[in-house]
Amino acid sequence: MKKITRRELLKLGGVAVSGNALIGCGKSLRKPSANLKLNQSNVPIVTPQGRTLPPDAAPFAKQILYESAAEPRHLDIARDIYGAGVAINWGGEPLLRRDENQNLVPAMAESWQAGENAEYWDFVIRKNARWSDGVPITADDWVFTFRHLASPALDNAWTWFYYDIKGIQNYKEGKGRAEDIGVEAIDDRTVRIYGENGAIPHLPAMMAYQAAAPAPRHKAEQNPEHWADTAENFVSSGPMRLLSWEHNQRLEWDTNPFYNGAHKPGIQKLIQLVGAPSIGWFNSWLNKEIDYIANLQPQELAQVINDNELSGYLHSYNNFQTEYLSFDCLRPPFDNVWVRQALSHAIDRTPFCEKVMLKTRIPAFSMLPPDFPAYNAELKTIQDFNVEKARALLAEAGFPNGEDANGNQLVLPLVSNGRDVVLEYVKDQWERYLNISVNLQILEAAVWGAQRSRHEMPLYHGQYEYDFLDPANMLTRLWRSASENGSPRHAWRNVQFDDLVTQAGREIDEPKRLDLYSQAEKFLVEDVGGLFLTHQVTHQVWYPYLTGFAPDKNGNVVFRYLDISRFQMYIRNDVDEWRD
């Protein structure tokens, strides 16, 4: 068997660069003196929201965080997580959040309780919750929010995320009324949410989704599409308040004077710099223009690891994101499970993760990543790297040595969303080990997206990062069939899988529910509904003056974008020694 060489791996990836390749644009890093004595003043620093900062915190006026951002289309979080990304978490508060150990904790809701058989859940909004303009946040705002995000007139592309809530899908598709949506106000502070198909045990996890934030009825009802187009009209339900928005330049926030929730930030002013500079965000971090990088790219990670100082600022964790290949399993040749299985055994994932992606990935053999609820390590052997088995399966499918009965070489179409090193590696592996030809076609992003939604691509590279910590998110919504053509994203159907995830979605006994999901995923992996490639490892850096993150139960200190760590952080009082 011919092994792929490191030189070939680097040629495929084009990412393993010298540790000094990026440093040219940045200032030399100057560490503060090792003898620096932090201020241990006995006078506590108390924020306007009432949080007492630790003794080593910088003065109130220096609690400023600089971060990178993308120019938003608007700030209506409930309607569009991507279009309003800058406002997520800072300017919007869901009913619940996750702590550093991924436990559910109160956010806008001070308590939550299941109804009979978990067919509905009651969430009690904390007392005196207010928008940043002082208007009370009530259960009526939440009733309005779900009608707003599902409105056919707004045609929100992400409404499907909430289809497990009663009436959402019918209203979005013009088959029902807004009044039929199963979200009701029991009183001013209690909102009740019903499941579409009876029991909905995963609803609290869904309500910790970072974009499941309320829309202000007093603002949005009169102008649903444009109420959040300006800083002047936007109101926040979260811990921060938007002060200004200079398009394509920056957004500035301060603390919301009416926020009385559990997650009062140490940061008192947030400056979001919009649009990647010509030197790139990593060099902006080296220049101390921003305070952290939440996700290093492979070449940036290489530089950090190879630098004695920078490596001390590195933090890492296994993220819940999976990359996979998706087949059109309803048409030849991918309607033949032996073909799909053969392909799954003909990719050596380990050298790709370690040498091309420089350990920003780990091999994946299932949709659910390690440590995700219902993850099953026993699935690893089903799609493992085994060239002999791959060749035998391909022969069984009618393509011995990669050829059909007439001696014609098997040619597989593979569609790429722009240049994609993952698919370049996959093409190399299949051609190397199976003697087939792979026709790699590159499409523009808009064309690629449209073809995916219409199930027009025979084979493509997909990836998905969890939105809420439950198998209902990464299995049911993504893979369960919605029609005879499969799920909205994938042209794959499996009756056993569909039945098991549907049953799991109604099971209120937690161990039984997770076991059902585990059984379902085994069908997904064995039938190769998806060919699983990698799980993401997130590597990030920040300077020591940015501190306050609570370690998780394993002692790891990381900044998970979807939990409460952004509110834990504060600026240490040696910040001036770093920001020069």
Protein backbone atom coordinates (compact mmCIF):
# COMPACT_ATOMS: atom_id res chain seq x y z
CA MET A 1 0.00 0.00 0.00
CA LYS A 2 1.39 3.39 -0.96
CA LYS A 3 1.62 5.80 1.96
CA ILE A 4 0.92 9.49 1.46
CA THR A 5 4.03 11.52 2.23
CA ARG A 6 4.27 14.62 4.43
CA ARG A 7 5.28 16.65 1.38
CA GLU A 8 2.10 15.55 -0.39
CA LEU A 9 0.04 16.36 2.69
CA LEU A 10 1.47 19.86 2.86
CA LYS A 11 0.86 20.38 -0.83
CA LEU A 12 -2.78 19.40 -0.36
CA GLY A 13 -3.28 21.59 2.68
CA GLY A 14 -1.08 24.58 1.98
CA VAL A 15 -1.40 25.47 5.65
CA ALA A 16 1.62 24.07 7.51
CA VAL A 17 3.79 27.17 7.27
CA SER A 18 6.86 28.30 9.15
CA GLY A 19 6.28 29.51 12.65
CA ASN A 20 7.56 32.97 11.66
CA ALA A 21 5.52 33.32 8.49
CA LEU A 22 2.89 35.61 9.99
CA ILE A 23 4.85 37.61 12.51
CA GLY A 24 6.15 40.25 10.12
CA CYS A 25 3.20 42.61 10.45
CA GLY A 26 2.97 42.47 14.23
CA LYS A 27 4.79 44.34 16.95
CA SER A 28 7.25 42.42 19.05
CA LEU A 29 5.49 41.10 22.10
CA ARG A 30 6.57 42.60 25.39
CA LYS A 31 5.59 40.76 28.53
CA PRO A 32 5.04 42.77 31.71
CA SER A 33 7.71 42.54 34.32
CA ALA A 34 7.67 39.32 36.31
CA ASN A 35 7.96 41.50 39.42
CA LEU A 36 4.78 43.42 38.68
CA LYS A 37 2.65 43.66 41.81
CA LEU A 38 -1.04 43.58 41.16
CA ASN A 39 -3.18 46.13 42.93
CA GLN A 40 -4.66 44.57 46.05
CA SER A 41 -6.70 47.58 47.10
CA ASN A 42 -9.22 47.00 49.86
CA VAL A 43 -11.71 49.24 48.07
CA PRO A 44 -13.97 46.92 46.07
CA ILE A 45 -14.89 47.76 42.50
CA VAL A 46 -18.64 47.43 42.11
CA THR A 47 -20.18 47.76 38.66
CA PRO A 48 -23.36 49.80 38.06
CA GLN A 49 -25.24 46.49 37.70
CA GLY A 50 -24.07 45.49 41.19
CA ARG A 51 -21.30 42.97 40.49
CA THR A 52 -18.27 43.15 42.75
CA LEU A 53 -15.08 42.54 40.77
CA PRO A 54 -12.09 40.63 42.23
CA PRO A 55 -9.26 42.58 43.93
CA ASP A 56 -6.97 42.28 40.90
CA ALA A 57 -9.48 43.90 38.54
CA ALA A 58 -8.58 47.04 36.63
CA PRO A 59 -10.43 50.24 37.49
CA PHE A 60 -13.95 50.55 36.20
CA ALA A 61 -12.93 52.83 33.31
CA LYS A 62 -10.46 50.25 31.99
CA GLN A 63 -12.91 47.34 31.82
CA ILE A 64 -12.94 47.56 28.01
CA LEU A 65 -12.93 44.54 25.69
CA TYR A 66 -11.89 44.74 22.03
CA GLU A 67 -13.10 41.93 19.77
CA SER A 68 -13.43 41.20 16.06
CA ALA A 69 -16.83 41.16 14.39
CA ALA A 70 -18.60 40.90 11.06
CA GLU A 71 -20.82 43.66 9.71
CA PRO A 72 -24.41 42.74 10.65
CA ARG A 73 -27.36 42.96 8.28
CA HIS A 74 -29.57 43.98 11.20
CA LEU A 75 -29.78 43.30 14.95
CA ASP A 76 -32.94 41.18 15.12
CA ILE A 77 -31.43 38.15 16.88
CA ALA A 78 -34.56 36.01 16.97
CA ARG A 79 -35.04 36.31 13.24
CA ASP A 80 -31.53 35.66 11.98
CA ILE A 81 -28.61 34.39 14.06
CA TYR A 82 -26.10 35.10 11.29
CA GLY A 83 -27.42 38.45 10.16
CA ALA A 84 -27.45 39.74 13.74
CA GLY A 85 -24.36 37.93 15.01
CA VAL A 86 -22.78 40.92 16.77
CA ALA A 87 -25.75 41.25 19.11
CA ILE A 88 -25.94 37.61 20.18
CA ASN A 89 -25.31 37.08 23.91
CA TRP A 90 -24.24 40.68 24.57
CA GLY A 91 -27.51 42.21 23.40
CA GLY A 92 -29.90 39.31 23.75
CA GLU A 93 -30.71 36.93 26.58
CA PRO A 94 -32.39 33.54 26.09
CA LEU A 95 -34.51 31.97 28.79
CA LEU A 96 -31.63 29.69 29.87
CA ARG A 97 -27.87 29.45 29.36
CA ARG A 98 -25.09 26.88 29.84
CA ASP A 99 -22.38 27.22 32.49
CA GLU A 100 -18.72 26.19 32.07
CA ASN A 101 -19.69 22.54 32.73
CA GLN A 102 -22.51 22.71 30.19
CA ASN A 103 -25.21 22.57 32.84
CA LEU A 104 -28.40 24.54 32.26
CA VAL A 105 -28.59 27.66 34.42
CA PRO A 106 -31.15 30.47 34.70
CA ALA A 107 -30.90 33.41 32.33
CA MET A 108 -34.04 35.42 31.60
CA ALA A 109 -36.05 32.65 33.23
CA GLU A 110 -35.44 32.27 36.96
CA SER A 111 -37.09 28.83 36.92
CA TRP A 112 -38.59 26.27 34.54
CA GLN A 113 -40.79 23.24 35.03
CA ALA A 114 -42.24 20.52 32.82
CA GLY A 115 -45.94 19.96 32.52
CA GLU A 116 -47.51 16.51 32.44
CA ASN A 117 -45.39 14.13 30.34
CA ALA A 118 -43.26 17.12 29.31
CA GLU A 119 -45.90 18.09 26.74
CA TYR A 120 -45.27 21.70 27.70
CA TRP A 121 -42.82 23.67 29.83
CA ASP A 122 -43.44 26.74 31.95
CA PHE A 123 -40.67 29.35 32.15
CA VAL A 124 -40.91 32.05 34.81
CA ILE A 125 -39.26 35.33 33.80
CA ARG A 126 -37.26 36.94 36.60
CA LYS A 127 -38.88 39.80 38.44
CA ASN A 128 -38.35 43.30 37.01
CA ALA A 129 -36.69 42.11 33.79
CA ARG A 130 -36.51 45.09 31.42
CA TRP A 131 -35.40 46.06 27.95
CA SER A 132 -32.54 48.53 27.71
CA ASP A 133 -35.08 51.36 27.25
CA GLY A 134 -36.69 50.49 30.59
CA VAL A 135 -39.82 48.81 29.20
CA PRO A 136 -40.71 45.59 31.11
CA ILE A 137 -40.00 42.26 29.42
CA THR A 138 -43.12 40.11 29.75
CA ALA A 139 -44.47 36.77 28.64
CA ASP A 140 -46.29 38.64 25.87
CA ASP A 141 -42.90 39.51 24.36
CA TRP A 142 -42.12 35.79 24.12
CA VAL A 143 -45.51 35.00 22.57
CA PHE A 144 -44.82 37.72 20.01
CA THR A 145 -41.26 36.49 19.42
CA PHE A 146 -42.27 33.07 18.11
CA ARG A 147 -44.97 34.56 15.89
CA HIS A 148 -42.41 37.06 14.64
CA LEU A 149 -39.64 34.59 13.80
CA ALA A 150 -42.09 32.22 12.08
CA SER A 151 -43.87 34.92 10.06
CA PRO A 152 -44.29 33.88 6.40
CA ALA A 153 -43.91 37.53 5.45
CA LEU A 154 -40.38 37.65 6.87
CA ASP A 155 -39.47 34.24 5.41
CA ASN A 156 -36.87 33.53 8.08
CA ALA A 157 -34.49 30.86 6.76
CA TRP A 158 -33.88 29.47 10.26
CA THR A 159 -37.48 28.97 11.42
CA TRP A 160 -37.09 25.20 10.94
CA PHE A 161 -34.94 25.22 14.07
CA TYR A 162 -38.13 25.65 16.14
CA TYR A 163 -40.38 23.18 14.32
CA ASP A 164 -40.62 21.03 17.47
CA ILE A 165 -42.74 23.81 18.99
CA LYS A 166 -46.46 23.47 18.30
CA GLY A 167 -47.74 25.38 15.28
CA ILE A 168 -44.42 26.93 14.16
CA GLN A 169 -44.04 24.92 10.96
CA ASN A 170 -47.67 25.25 9.90
CA TYR A 171 -47.60 29.02 10.35
CA LYS A 172 -44.29 29.41 8.53
CA GLU A 173 -45.59 27.34 5.59
CA GLY A 174 -48.90 29.20 5.39
CA LYS A 175 -50.97 26.28 6.71
CA GLY A 176 -51.83 27.73 10.09
CA ARG A 177 -52.41 30.93 12.02
CA ALA A 178 -50.11 32.84 14.33
CA GLU A 179 -52.66 32.29 17.09
CA ASP A 180 -52.22 28.52 16.73
CA ILE A 181 -48.55 28.62 17.77
CA GLY A 182 -48.16 26.81 21.08
CA VAL A 183 -46.62 29.65 23.07
CA GLU A 184 -48.90 31.39 25.55
CA ALA A 185 -48.68 33.84 28.42
CA ILE A 186 -50.02 32.33 31.65
CA ASP A 187 -49.39 35.63 33.41
CA ASP A 188 -47.03 38.57 32.91
CA ARG A 189 -44.00 36.54 33.98
CA THR A 190 -44.87 32.98 32.94
CA VAL A 191 -44.62 31.74 29.37
CA ARG A 192 -45.82 28.24 28.47
CA ILE A 193 -44.40 26.45 25.41
CA TYR A 194 -46.00 23.30 23.94
CA GLY A 195 -44.41 20.56 21.87
CA GLU A 196 -45.58 19.92 18.31
CA ASN A 197 -45.99 16.19 18.83
CA GLY A 198 -46.73 15.89 22.52
CA ALA A 199 -43.73 15.45 24.79
CA ILE A 200 -40.78 17.76 24.16
CA PRO A 201 -38.16 16.81 26.77
CA HIS A 202 -35.37 18.70 25.01
CA LEU A 203 -37.11 22.10 25.07
CA PRO A 204 -35.02 23.55 27.95
CA ALA A 205 -31.86 22.71 25.99
CA MET A 206 -33.34 24.44 22.95
CA MET A 207 -34.21 27.50 25.02
CA ALA A 208 -30.52 27.85 25.90
CA TYR A 209 -29.78 28.36 22.19
CA GLN A 210 -27.92 31.67 21.95
CA ALA A 211 -30.27 33.07 19.29
CA ALA A 212 -33.44 32.08 21.17
CA ALA A 213 -33.68 35.64 22.47
CA PRO A 214 -36.88 37.69 22.64
CA ALA A 215 -37.97 40.36 20.19
CA PRO A 216 -39.48 43.51 21.76
CA ARG A 217 -43.15 43.64 20.91
CA HIS A 218 -43.30 47.38 21.59
CA LYS A 219 -40.67 47.95 18.88
CA ALA A 220 -41.01 45.12 16.38
CA GLU A 221 -44.79 44.76 16.04
CA GLN A 222 -45.17 47.98 14.06
CA ASN A 223 -42.10 47.43 11.88
CA PRO A 224 -41.22 43.70 11.92
CA GLU A 225 -38.57 43.79 9.20
CA HIS A 226 -36.69 46.97 10.06
CA TRP A 227 -37.12 47.67 13.78
CA ALA A 228 -33.51 46.59 14.46
CA ASP A 229 -31.77 48.29 11.52
CA THR A 230 -30.20 51.09 13.59
CA ALA A 231 -28.44 51.49 16.93
CA GLU A 232 -30.94 54.18 17.86
CA ASN A 233 -33.97 51.90 17.53
CA PHE A 234 -32.47 48.63 18.78
CA VAL A 235 -33.21 47.62 22.35
CA SER A 236 -31.35 44.93 24.24
CA SER A 237 -32.65 42.18 26.50
CA GLY A 238 -29.09 41.19 27.44
CA PRO A 239 -26.41 42.53 29.78
CA MET A 240 -25.07 45.12 27.31
CA ARG A 241 -26.62 48.11 25.54
CA LEU A 242 -25.68 49.27 22.03
CA LEU A 243 -24.36 52.83 21.93
CA SER A 244 -23.28 53.27 18.32
CA TRP A 245 -22.89 51.45 15.01
CA GLU A 246 -20.49 52.83 12.43
CA HIS A 247 -21.15 50.65 9.41
CA ASN A 248 -18.23 48.49 8.32
CA GLN A 249 -16.07 50.01 11.07
CA ARG A 250 -17.17 49.38 14.66
CA LEU A 251 -19.95 48.92 17.18
CA GLU A 252 -19.70 50.16 20.74
CA TRP A 253 -21.64 48.83 23.74
CA ASP A 254 -21.85 49.65 27.42
CA THR A 255 -23.71 47.87 30.20
CA ASN A 256 -27.49 47.77 30.13
CA PRO A 257 -28.59 49.90 33.11
CA PHE A 258 -31.80 47.89 33.47
CA TYR A 259 -30.22 44.42 33.42
CA ASN A 260 -30.80 42.60 36.74
CA GLY A 261 -30.07 39.03 35.70
CA ALA A 262 -27.56 36.44 36.86
CA HIS A 263 -24.91 37.12 34.23
CA LYS A 264 -23.70 40.63 34.95
CA PRO A 265 -20.51 41.18 32.96
CA GLY A 266 -17.17 42.28 34.33
CA ILE A 267 -16.56 44.01 31.01
CA GLN A 268 -18.11 47.47 31.10
CA LYS A 269 -17.50 48.59 27.54
CA LEU A 270 -17.32 46.45 24.41
CA ILE A 271 -15.79 47.62 21.16
CA GLN A 272 -16.41 45.37 18.17
CA LEU A 273 -14.10 46.06 15.23
CA VAL A 274 -15.79 45.15 11.97
CA GLY A 275 -14.21 43.60 8.91
CA ALA A 276 -10.93 41.69 8.81
CA PRO A 277 -7.99 44.11 8.32
CA SER A 278 -5.54 43.57 5.51
CA ILE A 279 -3.04 42.03 7.92
CA GLY A 280 -5.67 39.62 9.30
CA TRP A 281 -7.20 39.32 12.75
CA PHE A 282 -4.35 37.22 14.11
CA ASN A 283 -1.84 39.99 13.46
CA SER A 284 -4.33 42.46 14.92
CA TRP A 285 -4.23 40.37 18.08
CA LEU A 286 -0.42 40.38 18.01
CA ASN A 287 -0.63 44.17 17.69
CA LYS A 288 -2.94 44.29 20.77
CA GLU A 289 -5.77 45.75 18.68
CA ILE A 290 -8.12 42.98 19.81
CA ASP A 291 -7.91 40.99 23.04
CA TYR A 292 -8.55 37.42 21.94
CA ILE A 293 -8.85 35.03 19.01
CA ALA A 294 -11.69 32.59 19.63
CA ASN A 295 -10.66 30.07 16.97
CA LEU A 296 -7.15 29.88 15.52
CA GLN A 297 -6.64 28.72 11.96
CA PRO A 298 -4.09 25.93 11.39
CA GLN A 299 -1.25 28.21 10.27
CA GLU A 300 -1.91 30.55 13.22
CA LEU A 301 -1.86 27.62 15.61
CA ALA A 302 1.47 26.51 14.17
CA GLN A 303 2.93 29.92 14.93
CA VAL A 304 1.59 29.94 18.46
CA ILE A 305 2.89 26.46 19.25
CA ASN A 306 6.34 27.27 17.88
CA ASP A 307 6.69 30.44 19.97
CA ASN A 308 7.72 30.05 23.60
CA GLU A 309 5.75 33.09 24.72
CA LEU A 310 2.63 32.75 22.59
CA SER A 311 2.24 29.08 23.47
CA GLY A 312 1.67 30.14 27.07
CA TYR A 313 -1.49 31.96 26.00
CA LEU A 314 -2.99 28.95 24.20
CA HIS A 315 -6.26 27.33 25.35
CA SER A 316 -7.92 24.37 23.64
CA TYR A 317 -11.04 22.21 23.80
CA ASN A 318 -12.93 19.70 21.69
CA ASN A 319 -15.77 21.58 20.04
CA PHE A 320 -19.07 19.96 19.13
CA GLN A 321 -18.70 20.36 15.37
CA THR A 322 -18.64 17.59 12.79
CA GLU A 323 -17.50 17.51 9.15
CA TYR A 324 -18.90 14.84 6.87
CA LEU A 325 -19.64 13.90 3.29
CA SER A 326 -23.28 13.79 2.24
CA PHE A 327 -24.46 11.49 -0.57
CA ASP A 328 -27.53 11.55 -2.76
CA CYS A 329 -28.52 8.10 -1.57
CA LEU A 330 -31.59 8.02 -3.80
CA ARG A 331 -29.68 7.90 -7.13
CA PRO A 332 -26.83 5.80 -8.56
CA PRO A 333 -24.13 5.11 -7.70
CA PHE A 334 -24.70 6.26 -4.13
CA ASP A 335 -27.98 4.40 -3.78
CA ASN A 336 -25.75 1.33 -3.40
CA VAL A 337 -24.81 1.05 0.28
CA TRP A 338 -21.71 -1.02 -0.60
CA VAL A 339 -20.36 1.92 -2.59
CA ARG A 340 -20.91 4.26 0.35
CA GLN A 341 -19.38 1.81 2.79
CA ALA A 342 -16.36 1.25 0.54
CA LEU A 343 -15.74 4.99 0.36
CA SER A 344 -16.04 5.33 4.14
CA HIS A 345 -13.19 2.83 4.64
CA ALA A 346 -10.86 4.46 2.10
CA ILE A 347 -9.98 7.70 3.95
CA ASP A 348 -7.10 7.83 6.43
CA ARG A 349 -8.35 10.60 8.66
CA THR A 350 -5.47 10.70 11.17
CA PRO A 351 -2.69 12.16 8.98
CA PHE A 352 -5.15 14.68 7.57
CA CYS A 353 -6.06 15.89 11.07
CA GLU A 354 -2.51 15.94 12.36
CA LYS A 355 -0.42 17.03 9.37
CA VAL A 356 -2.75 19.00 7.12
CA MET A 357 -5.08 20.58 9.68
CA LEU A 358 -2.31 20.68 12.31
CA LYS A 359 -4.44 19.21 15.10
CA THR A 360 -7.33 21.63 14.68
CA ARG A 361 -9.35 18.48 13.94
CA ILE A 362 -9.61 14.95 15.29
CA PRO A 363 -10.88 11.95 13.28
CA ALA A 364 -14.65 11.47 13.27
CA PHE A 365 -16.50 8.21 12.81
CA SER A 366 -19.94 9.36 13.93
CA MET A 367 -22.09 12.48 13.85
CA LEU A 368 -22.05 13.04 17.61
CA PRO A 369 -18.65 14.24 18.89
CA PRO A 370 -16.95 12.95 22.05
CA ASP A 371 -18.59 14.18 25.27
CA PHE A 372 -21.81 15.12 23.46
CA PRO A 373 -24.92 13.54 25.02
CA ALA A 374 -25.50 10.01 23.59
CA TYR A 375 -22.00 9.84 22.06
CA ASN A 376 -21.08 6.18 21.45
CA ALA A 377 -17.37 5.41 21.13
CA GLU A 378 -18.20 1.88 19.93
CA LEU A 379 -19.22 3.28 16.55
CA LYS A 380 -15.59 4.05 15.69
CA THR A 381 -14.97 0.74 13.91
CA ILE A 382 -17.90 1.00 11.50
CA GLN A 383 -16.33 3.59 9.18
CA ASP A 384 -12.67 3.03 10.09
CA PHE A 385 -9.74 3.18 7.65
CA ASN A 386 -9.42 -0.27 6.10
CA VAL A 387 -8.28 -0.37 2.48
CA GLU A 388 -8.73 -4.12 2.00
CA LYS A 389 -12.29 -3.94 3.26
CA ALA A 390 -12.94 -0.88 1.08
CA ARG A 391 -11.75 -2.66 -2.06
CA ALA A 392 -13.77 -5.78 -1.25
CA LEU A 393 -16.95 -3.74 -0.73
CA LEU A 394 -16.39 -1.83 -3.97
CA ALA A 395 -15.98 -5.13 -5.82
CA GLU A 396 -19.18 -6.42 -4.19
CA ALA A 397 -20.92 -3.29 -5.46
CA GLY A 398 -19.88 -4.19 -9.02
CA PHE A 399 -16.66 -2.16 -9.34
CA PRO A 400 -13.69 -4.50 -8.86
CA ASN A 401 -10.45 -2.51 -8.98
CA GLY A 402 -12.58 0.60 -9.49
CA GLU A 403 -14.04 -0.55 -12.82
CA ASP A 404 -17.49 -1.61 -13.96
CA ALA A 405 -18.32 -4.78 -15.88
CA ASN A 406 -17.24 -3.14 -19.17
CA GLY A 407 -13.86 -2.10 -17.79
CA ASN A 408 -14.82 1.56 -17.45
CA GLN A 409 -13.32 3.38 -14.49
CA LEU A 410 -15.82 4.55 -11.88
CA VAL A 411 -16.05 8.35 -11.94
CA LEU A 412 -17.54 10.10 -8.91
CA PRO A 413 -18.76 13.72 -8.91
CA LEU A 414 -17.73 15.76 -5.85
CA VAL A 415 -19.04 19.31 -5.44
CA SER A 416 -17.02 21.92 -3.53
CA ASN A 417 -18.09 25.23 -2.00
CA GLY A 418 -15.03 27.17 -3.20
CA ARG A 419 -11.59 25.67 -2.77
CA ASP A 420 -11.77 23.00 -0.08
CA VAL A 421 -8.69 21.24 1.28
CA VAL A 422 -10.89 18.54 2.80
CA LEU A 423 -12.23 17.51 -0.58
CA GLU A 424 -8.80 17.71 -2.17
CA TYR A 425 -7.62 15.23 0.42
CA VAL A 426 -10.67 12.98 -0.06
CA LYS A 427 -10.12 12.97 -3.83
CA ASP A 428 -6.48 11.96 -3.33
CA GLN A 429 -7.41 9.15 -0.94
CA TRP A 430 -10.10 7.59 -3.10
CA GLU A 431 -8.04 7.77 -6.28
CA ARG A 432 -5.00 6.44 -4.43
CA TYR A 433 -6.65 3.47 -2.71
CA LEU A 434 -9.63 2.53 -4.91
CA ASN A 435 -8.38 3.26 -8.45
CA ILE A 436 -11.40 5.44 -9.18
CA SER A 437 -11.61 8.94 -10.63
CA VAL A 438 -13.05 11.87 -8.69
CA ASN A 439 -14.35 14.87 -10.60
CA LEU A 440 -14.03 17.79 -8.19
CA GLN A 441 -16.30 20.65 -9.23
CA ILE A 442 -15.97 24.06 -7.55
CA LEU A 443 -19.09 26.22 -7.21
CA GLU A 444 -19.70 29.71 -5.87
CA ALA A 445 -21.20 29.76 -2.41
CA ALA A 446 -24.66 30.96 -3.47
CA VAL A 447 -24.96 28.35 -6.21
CA TRP A 448 -23.67 25.64 -3.88
CA GLY A 449 -26.21 26.57 -1.21
CA ALA A 450 -29.11 26.62 -3.64
CA GLN A 451 -28.16 23.23 -5.05
CA ARG A 452 -27.87 21.74 -1.58
CA SER A 453 -31.34 22.91 -0.60
CA ARG A 454 -32.76 21.38 -3.80
CA HIS A 455 -30.84 18.11 -3.32
CA GLU A 456 -29.10 18.61 -6.65
CA MET A 457 -25.58 17.70 -5.53
CA PRO A 458 -24.70 13.99 -5.70
CA LEU A 459 -21.89 14.33 -3.16
CA TYR A 460 -20.78 17.31 -1.07
CA HIS A 461 -18.87 18.32 2.06
CA GLY A 462 -21.13 19.27 4.95
CA GLN A 463 -20.37 20.50 8.45
CA TYR A 464 -22.48 21.30 11.44
CA GLU A 465 -21.73 22.90 14.80
CA TYR A 466 -24.23 22.23 17.54
CA ASP A 467 -26.74 24.91 18.39
CA PHE A 468 -28.00 23.32 21.58
CA LEU A 469 -26.60 20.47 23.64
CA ASP A 470 -28.97 17.64 22.80
CA PRO A 471 -29.01 14.84 20.19
CA ALA A 472 -32.30 16.27 18.94
CA ASN A 473 -30.19 19.05 17.47
CA MET A 474 -27.40 17.09 15.74
CA LEU A 475 -29.42 13.99 14.81
CA THR A 476 -33.15 14.66 14.54
CA ARG A 477 -33.23 18.09 12.95
CA LEU A 478 -30.34 17.38 10.61
CA TRP A 479 -31.00 13.82 9.46
CA ARG A 480 -34.65 12.81 10.04
CA SER A 481 -36.61 12.57 6.81
CA ALA A 482 -39.12 15.33 6.19
CA SER A 483 -40.31 13.88 2.86
CA GLU A 484 -39.65 11.02 0.47
CA ASN A 485 -36.53 12.94 -0.58
CA GLY A 486 -34.97 12.80 2.88
CA SER A 487 -34.24 15.62 5.32
CA PRO A 488 -34.02 19.29 4.28
CA ARG A 489 -30.23 18.94 3.86
CA HIS A 490 -29.65 15.29 3.04
CA ALA A 491 -30.98 12.94 0.37
CA TRP A 492 -30.98 9.94 2.69
CA ARG A 493 -33.86 8.03 4.23
CA ASN A 494 -33.83 5.27 6.81
CA VAL A 495 -37.07 4.16 8.42
CA GLN A 496 -35.40 2.69 11.50
CA PHE A 497 -33.45 5.88 12.11
CA ASP A 498 -36.54 8.07 11.66
CA ASP A 499 -38.62 5.93 14.02
CA LEU A 500 -35.95 5.86 16.73
CA VAL A 501 -35.24 9.63 16.78
CA THR A 502 -38.97 10.34 16.75
CA GLN A 503 -39.46 7.98 19.67
CA ALA A 504 -36.49 9.53 21.48
CA GLY A 505 -37.96 12.99 21.03
CA ARG A 506 -41.01 11.93 23.06
CA GLU A 507 -39.26 9.90 25.74
CA ILE A 508 -39.15 11.67 29.10
CA ASP A 509 -36.92 9.10 30.82
CA GLU A 510 -33.47 10.59 30.16
CA PRO A 511 -31.35 7.38 30.07
CA LYS A 512 -33.89 5.69 27.79
CA ARG A 513 -34.03 8.77 25.57
CA LEU A 514 -30.25 8.89 25.11
CA ASP A 515 -30.13 5.15 24.43
CA LEU A 516 -32.70 5.55 21.66
CA TYR A 517 -30.59 8.27 20.07
CA SER A 518 -27.53 6.03 20.33
CA GLN A 519 -29.40 3.23 18.57
CA ALA A 520 -30.54 5.63 15.88
CA GLU A 521 -27.05 6.93 15.22
CA LYS A 522 -25.80 3.40 14.68
CA PHE A 523 -28.20 3.09 11.72
CA LEU A 524 -26.92 6.43 10.38
CA VAL A 525 -23.29 5.30 10.58
CA GLU A 526 -23.81 1.74 9.31
CA ASP A 527 -25.94 2.87 6.38
CA VAL A 528 -23.44 5.67 5.67
CA GLY A 529 -26.12 8.31 5.49
CA GLY A 530 -23.12 10.49 6.15
CA LEU A 531 -19.43 9.67 5.80
CA PHE A 532 -17.95 11.23 8.92
CA LEU A 533 -14.56 12.89 8.64
CA THR A 534 -13.52 15.16 11.50
CA HIS A 535 -14.57 16.85 14.72
CA GLN A 536 -13.25 20.33 15.40
CA VAL A 537 -10.69 21.11 18.08
CA THR A 538 -10.91 24.78 19.01
CA HIS A 539 -7.63 26.51 19.82
CA GLN A 540 -7.76 30.07 21.11
CA VAL A 541 -5.49 32.73 22.56
CA TRP A 542 -5.87 35.69 24.83
CA TYR A 543 -3.51 37.80 26.89
CA PRO A 544 -3.33 37.21 30.67
CA TYR A 545 -4.89 40.57 31.49
CA LEU A 546 -8.16 39.08 30.15
CA THR A 547 -9.11 36.81 33.03
CA GLY A 548 -11.93 35.57 35.25
CA PHE A 549 -12.92 32.46 33.27
CA ALA A 550 -14.10 29.72 35.61
CA PRO A 551 -12.35 26.38 35.03
CA ASP A 552 -14.60 23.48 34.08
CA LYS A 553 -14.84 20.24 36.05
CA ASN A 554 -11.68 18.97 34.33
CA GLY A 555 -9.71 22.10 35.18
CA ASN A 556 -9.78 23.49 31.62
CA VAL A 557 -10.01 27.26 31.20
CA VAL A 558 -11.58 28.04 27.83
CA PHE A 559 -13.89 30.56 26.18
CA ARG A 560 -16.86 28.62 24.82
CA TYR A 561 -18.82 30.98 22.64
CA LEU A 562 -22.13 29.36 23.58
CA ASP A 563 -21.84 29.47 27.39
CA ILE A 564 -21.56 32.12 30.11
CA SER A 565 -17.77 32.59 29.99
CA ARG A 566 -18.01 35.99 28.24
CA PHE A 567 -19.80 37.34 31.29
CA GLN A 568 -17.26 35.88 33.72
CA MET A 569 -14.30 37.64 32.11
CA TYR A 570 -12.87 40.94 33.32
CA ILE A 571 -9.76 43.05 32.69
CA ARG A 572 -6.89 42.69 35.17
CA ASN A 573 -5.23 45.81 36.58
CA ASP A 574 -1.90 45.25 34.81
CA VAL A 575 -3.60 45.88 31.48
CA ASP A 576 -1.61 49.06 30.78
CA GLU A 577 1.58 47.04 30.84
CA TRP A 578 0.22 44.98 27.94
CA ARG A 579 -1.68 47.51 25.87
CA ASP A 580 1.06 49.89 24.82
